[in-house]
Amino acid sequence: MLSERYRPKTWTDFIGQPVIDEIVEACTDPWLFDGCGERWLFESDGIAGCGKTSAAYVAAQALGCSDFATERIDSRACMVADLRALDSTMRAYGMGSENGRRCYIIDEIQHLNRDCQRMLLGILENLPCHVIVIGTTTSVTWADEVDGLFSRWRRFRFRKPSAPAIAEHLERIAREQSLPIPDGFRILSYVQGKYTDVGGNNIRACVDLLPDALRRYKGKADIRAALGGIGAARCESCCELQRFHRSKSAFFYSVRSESVSRPCPAERYEEWSEDRLDELVIRHRNRCYFCELRLSRERRARWEP
């Protein structure tokens, strides 16, 4: 995945998150690991793909935890027995670091059930001095049912990143990966969800879907060029394409037959999916698409949505 290649590795790689400056300052506080372990919570209010998990790994490195001493816990599959085993193993010092620190990253912590939350509360109350637990979540109310759990965390709120900052990041990725940007394609409009259903300024989704969005936009531009422009396209033999427009995932066409000896068989075809239209453009780029539909009923049935 392209997003994994551009996953932030240092603090300067994060985009549109002022909270990163707060985390950097927190990593240099002189009272860290003084008498007890650290409990940090990276949270966002329903915003995914904004860099919480990546920030957790970078923070672990900044606090002196090596890759061998950093463990990720999947909260979706976590049970009480797993947390009980974790409570016993975290007493040992971490490998590969001078201070023996260990970091446990609980990803999407809101998926923990109530019993696991109660067990986690007991663990956080008695953390060893060399351990830091970092939780990431897209919910700000996940621990409301367990009294005292929220108060155990040092909380950092991640905000929705700005669309211009993401657009600048995507332009840099397109240049580095030699991705051709078609004429008329606006990166900022793509981030805002005009060309795809990304929405929410999800950086991870924007990066992963960028190559496909560029290809689809170029394919539609080729379709418009093959049809003679957005206004109209004409077949001299039998029919005239009056107008067409895009609505969601289907193309709608209105056709009018001309006065010829053989009527156009495509008058009643009103809705066309993108895949069907792309197939027709590829196979009949220089011909009338509607004339080419004078085929057998079996072949037409294969093109039905």
Protein backbone atom coordinates (compact mmCIF):
# COMPACT_ATOMS: atom_id res chain seq x y z
CA MET A 1 0.00 0.00 0.00
CA LEU A 2 1.22 3.47 -0.87
CA SER A 3 0.19 4.80 2.53
CA GLU A 4 2.56 2.36 4.27
CA ARG A 5 5.45 3.65 2.21
CA TYR A 6 4.64 7.22 3.28
CA ARG A 7 3.75 6.39 6.89
CA PRO A 8 5.35 9.04 9.15
CA LYS A 9 8.66 7.90 10.60
CA THR A 10 9.67 11.19 12.28
CA TRP A 11 7.81 14.10 13.84
CA THR A 12 8.34 16.27 10.76
CA ASP A 13 6.47 13.77 8.56
CA PHE A 14 3.09 14.47 10.17
CA ILE A 15 0.66 16.69 8.32
CA GLY A 16 -1.86 19.17 9.66
CA GLN A 17 -1.72 18.07 13.32
CA PRO A 18 -0.82 20.80 15.85
CA VAL A 19 -1.06 18.19 18.60
CA ILE A 20 2.24 16.74 17.40
CA ASP A 21 4.03 19.73 18.92
CA GLU A 22 2.39 18.93 22.26
CA ILE A 23 3.51 15.31 22.07
CA VAL A 24 7.08 16.34 21.20
CA GLU A 25 7.20 18.59 24.25
CA ALA A 26 5.67 15.86 26.43
CA CYS A 27 8.44 13.45 25.41
CA THR A 28 11.01 15.82 26.95
CA ASP A 29 9.27 16.34 30.31
CA PRO A 30 11.75 15.67 33.14
CA TRP A 31 9.22 13.87 35.36
CA LEU A 32 8.52 11.04 32.92
CA PHE A 33 8.75 7.53 34.40
CA ASP A 34 9.26 9.04 37.86
CA GLY A 35 7.74 6.58 40.30
CA CYS A 36 5.32 4.98 37.84
CA GLY A 37 4.84 4.24 34.16
CA GLU A 38 3.24 6.51 31.57
CA ARG A 39 -0.31 6.27 30.19
CA TRP A 40 -0.97 8.26 27.03
CA LEU A 41 -4.14 8.33 24.96
CA PHE A 42 -4.18 9.54 21.34
CA GLU A 43 -7.83 10.21 20.56
CA SER A 44 -9.93 11.73 17.80
CA ASP A 45 -13.65 12.28 17.55
CA GLY A 46 -14.56 9.85 14.77
CA ILE A 47 -11.60 10.83 12.55
CA ALA A 48 -9.65 7.91 11.10
CA GLY A 49 -6.37 7.97 9.20
CA CYS A 50 -5.05 11.12 10.86
CA GLY A 51 -1.81 9.61 12.24
CA LYS A 52 -2.61 8.39 15.76
CA THR A 53 -1.00 4.95 15.45
CA SER A 54 2.00 6.35 13.59
CA ALA A 55 2.45 8.97 16.30
CA ALA A 56 2.36 6.21 18.90
CA TYR A 57 5.28 4.38 17.26
CA VAL A 58 7.30 7.58 16.84
CA ALA A 59 6.61 8.52 20.47
CA ALA A 60 7.82 5.10 21.60
CA GLN A 61 11.11 5.64 19.79
CA ALA A 62 11.43 9.16 21.19
CA LEU A 63 10.97 7.79 24.72
CA GLY A 64 13.78 5.30 24.28
CA CYS A 65 11.84 2.13 23.45
CA SER A 66 13.46 -0.03 20.79
CA ASP A 67 11.55 -1.92 18.12
CA PHE A 68 12.04 -5.14 20.11
CA ALA A 69 10.49 -3.51 23.19
CA THR A 70 7.45 -2.04 21.37
CA GLU A 71 4.40 -4.28 21.17
CA ARG A 72 1.08 -3.61 19.44
CA ILE A 73 -2.10 -5.03 20.97
CA ASP A 74 -5.18 -5.53 18.80
CA SER A 75 -8.11 -4.57 20.98
CA ARG A 76 -10.60 -6.34 18.70
CA ALA A 77 -9.20 -9.74 19.64
CA CYS A 78 -8.09 -8.90 23.17
CA MET A 79 -9.59 -10.86 26.05
CA VAL A 80 -9.24 -10.63 29.81
CA ALA A 81 -6.80 -13.54 29.82
CA ASP A 82 -4.56 -11.66 27.37
CA LEU A 83 -4.46 -8.61 29.62
CA ARG A 84 -3.78 -10.78 32.65
CA ALA A 85 -0.80 -12.34 30.84
CA LEU A 86 0.32 -8.89 29.77
CA ASP A 87 0.28 -7.70 33.36
CA SER A 88 2.80 -10.36 34.28
CA THR A 89 5.11 -9.99 31.27
CA MET A 90 5.43 -6.20 31.42
CA ARG A 91 7.37 -6.51 34.67
CA ALA A 92 10.42 -7.57 32.67
CA TYR A 93 12.64 -4.88 31.19
CA GLY A 94 12.66 -4.31 27.46
CA MET A 95 15.43 -5.50 25.16
CA GLY A 96 17.53 -3.28 22.96
CA SER A 97 17.33 -0.11 25.05
CA GLU A 98 19.68 1.30 27.65
CA ASN A 99 16.96 2.13 30.15
CA GLY A 100 14.99 -1.08 29.62
CA ARG A 101 11.77 0.72 28.73
CA ARG A 102 8.85 -1.08 27.12
CA CYS A 103 5.94 0.34 25.15
CA TYR A 104 2.53 -1.25 24.59
CA ILE A 105 0.32 0.29 21.90
CA ILE A 106 -3.35 -0.62 22.26
CA ASP A 107 -4.79 0.17 18.84
CA GLU A 108 -8.47 1.17 18.55
CA ILE A 109 -8.93 0.81 22.26
CA GLN A 110 -12.66 1.55 22.05
CA HIS A 111 -13.24 -2.07 20.93
CA LEU A 112 -12.32 -3.46 24.35
CA ASN A 113 -15.29 -4.99 26.11
CA ARG A 114 -16.32 -3.91 29.60
CA ASP A 115 -14.47 -6.69 31.40
CA CYS A 116 -11.27 -5.84 29.54
CA GLN A 117 -11.71 -2.17 30.40
CA ARG A 118 -11.96 -3.01 34.08
CA MET A 119 -8.85 -5.19 33.82
CA LEU A 120 -7.05 -2.42 31.98
CA LEU A 121 -7.93 0.02 34.75
CA GLY A 122 -6.19 -2.23 37.26
CA ILE A 123 -3.12 -2.49 35.04
CA LEU A 124 -2.85 1.27 34.58
CA GLU A 125 -3.04 1.83 38.33
CA ASN A 126 0.07 -0.30 38.91
CA LEU A 127 2.29 0.27 35.89
CA PRO A 128 6.00 -0.48 36.34
CA CYS A 129 8.29 2.53 36.11
CA HIS A 130 9.83 1.42 32.81
CA VAL A 131 6.52 0.88 30.92
CA ILE A 132 4.46 3.24 28.80
CA VAL A 133 1.02 2.31 27.49
CA ILE A 134 -0.26 4.30 24.50
CA GLY A 135 -3.87 3.89 23.45
CA THR A 136 -5.36 5.07 20.17
CA THR A 137 -9.07 5.58 19.61
CA THR A 138 -11.57 7.30 17.34
CA SER A 139 -14.07 7.67 20.18
CA VAL A 140 -14.08 10.14 23.05
CA THR A 141 -16.77 8.29 25.05
CA TRP A 142 -15.50 4.70 24.95
CA ALA A 143 -14.67 4.54 28.68
CA ASP A 144 -17.72 6.29 30.10
CA GLU A 145 -19.06 3.07 31.60
CA VAL A 146 -15.95 2.39 33.70
CA ASP A 147 -15.45 4.99 36.40
CA GLY A 148 -11.94 6.35 36.67
CA LEU A 149 -10.59 4.92 33.41
CA PHE A 150 -10.50 8.21 31.52
CA SER A 151 -8.77 9.98 34.40
CA ARG A 152 -5.84 7.55 34.22
CA TRP A 153 -4.74 8.81 30.81
CA ARG A 154 -2.74 11.75 29.60
CA ARG A 155 -4.91 12.64 26.63
CA PHE A 156 -3.88 14.16 23.28
CA ARG A 157 -6.65 15.15 20.87
CA PHE A 158 -6.03 14.71 17.13
CA ARG A 159 -8.03 17.04 14.92
CA LYS A 160 -9.28 16.85 11.37
CA PRO A 161 -6.28 17.78 9.16
CA SER A 162 -6.69 20.68 6.80
CA ALA A 163 -7.48 19.87 3.19
CA PRO A 164 -4.81 22.21 1.70
CA ALA A 165 -2.10 20.51 3.79
CA ILE A 166 -3.19 17.08 2.57
CA ALA A 167 -3.37 18.31 -1.03
CA GLU A 168 0.21 19.59 -0.82
CA HIS A 169 1.31 16.23 0.57
CA LEU A 170 -0.44 14.35 -2.26
CA GLU A 171 1.15 16.57 -4.90
CA ARG A 172 4.57 15.71 -3.50
CA ILE A 173 3.72 12.00 -3.59
CA ALA A 174 2.51 12.28 -7.19
CA ARG A 175 5.80 13.91 -8.18
CA GLU A 176 7.93 11.34 -6.38
CA GLN A 177 5.96 8.40 -7.83
CA SER A 178 5.77 9.96 -11.31
CA LEU A 179 1.97 9.84 -11.30
CA PRO A 180 0.63 11.87 -14.24
CA ILE A 181 -2.04 14.36 -13.18
CA PRO A 182 -4.63 14.79 -15.97
CA ASP A 183 -5.68 18.24 -17.11
CA GLY A 184 -8.55 19.49 -15.00
CA PHE A 185 -7.86 17.20 -12.03
CA ARG A 186 -7.73 19.21 -8.81
CA ILE A 187 -5.96 17.60 -5.86
CA LEU A 188 -7.81 19.81 -3.38
CA SER A 189 -11.18 18.79 -4.84
CA TYR A 190 -10.11 15.14 -4.60
CA VAL A 191 -9.29 15.54 -0.90
CA GLN A 192 -12.70 17.12 -0.33
CA GLY A 193 -14.39 14.06 -1.85
CA LYS A 194 -15.37 15.37 -5.29
CA TYR A 195 -13.95 12.48 -7.33
CA THR A 196 -14.25 9.64 -4.80
CA ASP A 197 -16.06 8.87 -1.58
CA VAL A 198 -12.97 9.44 0.58
CA GLY A 199 -14.35 12.32 2.62
CA GLY A 200 -13.37 13.32 6.12
CA ASN A 201 -9.82 14.26 5.06
CA ASN A 202 -8.61 10.73 5.77
CA ILE A 203 -4.93 10.94 4.87
CA ARG A 204 -4.44 7.18 4.64
CA ALA A 205 -7.39 6.72 2.29
CA CYS A 206 -6.43 9.75 0.20
CA VAL A 207 -2.93 8.39 -0.37
CA ASP A 208 -4.05 4.83 -1.17
CA LEU A 209 -6.82 5.88 -3.58
CA LEU A 210 -4.86 8.58 -5.40
CA PRO A 211 -3.44 6.40 -8.25
CA ASP A 212 -6.84 4.84 -8.98
CA ALA A 213 -8.57 8.22 -8.85
CA LEU A 214 -6.10 9.62 -11.38
CA ARG A 215 -6.64 6.66 -13.72
CA ARG A 216 -10.43 6.89 -13.50
CA TYR A 217 -10.37 10.62 -14.14
CA LYS A 218 -8.12 10.14 -17.17
CA GLY A 219 -10.39 7.36 -18.45
CA LYS A 220 -13.44 9.60 -18.21
CA ALA A 221 -11.53 12.37 -19.97
CA ASP A 222 -10.76 9.93 -22.79
CA ILE A 223 -14.44 9.03 -22.95
CA ARG A 224 -15.42 12.66 -23.29
CA ALA A 225 -12.81 13.14 -25.98
CA ALA A 226 -14.03 10.06 -27.84
CA LEU A 227 -17.59 11.31 -27.73
CA GLY A 228 -16.55 14.64 -29.13
CA GLY A 229 -16.70 16.74 -25.99
CA ILE A 230 -19.11 17.27 -23.16
CA GLY A 231 -21.67 19.06 -25.29
CA ALA A 232 -22.70 16.44 -27.89
CA ALA A 233 -21.42 13.69 -30.14
CA ARG A 234 -22.89 12.78 -33.50
CA CYS A 235 -23.16 9.61 -35.51
CA GLU A 236 -23.66 10.44 -39.17
CA SER A 237 -25.35 7.15 -39.93
CA CYS A 238 -28.23 6.75 -37.54
CA CYS A 239 -28.39 8.69 -34.27
CA GLU A 240 -27.35 11.79 -32.42
CA LEU A 241 -26.25 11.93 -28.79
CA GLN A 242 -28.06 14.93 -27.41
CA ARG A 243 -26.53 15.24 -23.97
CA PHE A 244 -25.01 13.22 -21.20
CA HIS A 245 -24.03 13.78 -17.61
CA ARG A 246 -22.70 11.87 -14.65
CA SER A 247 -24.77 10.96 -11.61
CA LYS A 248 -23.14 8.83 -8.92
CA SER A 249 -21.87 5.64 -10.61
CA ALA A 250 -24.05 5.62 -13.74
CA PHE A 251 -24.15 7.52 -17.02
CA PHE A 252 -27.50 8.65 -18.39
CA TYR A 253 -28.00 9.26 -22.06
CA SER A 254 -30.78 10.68 -24.16
CA VAL A 255 -30.69 9.71 -27.82
CA ARG A 256 -32.79 10.69 -30.80
CA SER A 257 -33.09 8.68 -33.97
CA GLU A 258 -32.71 10.38 -37.31
CA SER A 259 -34.79 9.72 -40.35
CA VAL A 260 -33.04 6.73 -41.81
CA SER A 261 -34.21 3.48 -43.26
CA ARG A 262 -33.01 1.44 -40.25
CA PRO A 263 -34.01 2.85 -36.82
CA CYS A 264 -31.47 3.08 -34.01
CA PRO A 265 -31.82 0.13 -31.59
CA ALA A 266 -30.49 2.08 -28.59
CA GLU A 267 -33.38 4.46 -28.01
CA ARG A 268 -34.52 2.65 -24.87
CA TYR A 269 -31.07 2.32 -23.31
CA GLU A 270 -31.06 5.07 -20.70
CA GLU A 271 -28.72 3.93 -17.94
CA TRP A 272 -25.14 2.83 -18.50
CA SER A 273 -22.65 1.76 -15.87
CA GLU A 274 -19.06 2.99 -16.04
CA ASP A 275 -17.69 -0.48 -16.83
CA ARG A 276 -20.07 -0.93 -19.78
CA LEU A 277 -19.24 2.50 -21.13
CA ASP A 278 -15.51 1.91 -20.80
CA GLU A 279 -15.85 -1.39 -22.67
CA LEU A 280 -17.72 0.28 -25.51
CA VAL A 281 -15.20 3.11 -25.77
CA ILE A 282 -12.28 0.70 -25.90
CA ARG A 283 -13.85 -1.58 -28.50
CA HIS A 284 -15.67 1.01 -30.60
CA ARG A 285 -13.71 4.20 -30.04
CA ASN A 286 -14.13 5.50 -33.58
CA ARG A 287 -17.61 4.20 -34.26
CA CYS A 288 -21.13 4.97 -33.20
CA TYR A 289 -21.70 3.18 -29.89
CA PHE A 290 -25.41 2.81 -30.47
CA CYS A 291 -25.02 1.36 -33.95
CA GLU A 292 -22.64 -1.20 -32.52
CA LEU A 293 -25.43 -2.45 -30.27
CA ARG A 294 -27.12 -4.11 -33.25
CA LEU A 295 -25.99 -7.43 -31.90
CA SER A 296 -27.67 -10.58 -30.77
CA ARG A 297 -29.95 -10.56 -27.75
CA GLU A 298 -27.49 -12.76 -25.86
CA ARG A 299 -24.64 -10.27 -26.23
CA ARG A 300 -26.86 -7.39 -25.18
CA ALA A 301 -27.96 -9.34 -22.11
CA ARG A 302 -24.37 -9.57 -20.93
CA TRP A 303 -24.21 -5.78 -20.87
CA GLU A 304 -27.26 -5.38 -18.69
CA PRO A 305 -26.46 -3.84 -15.23
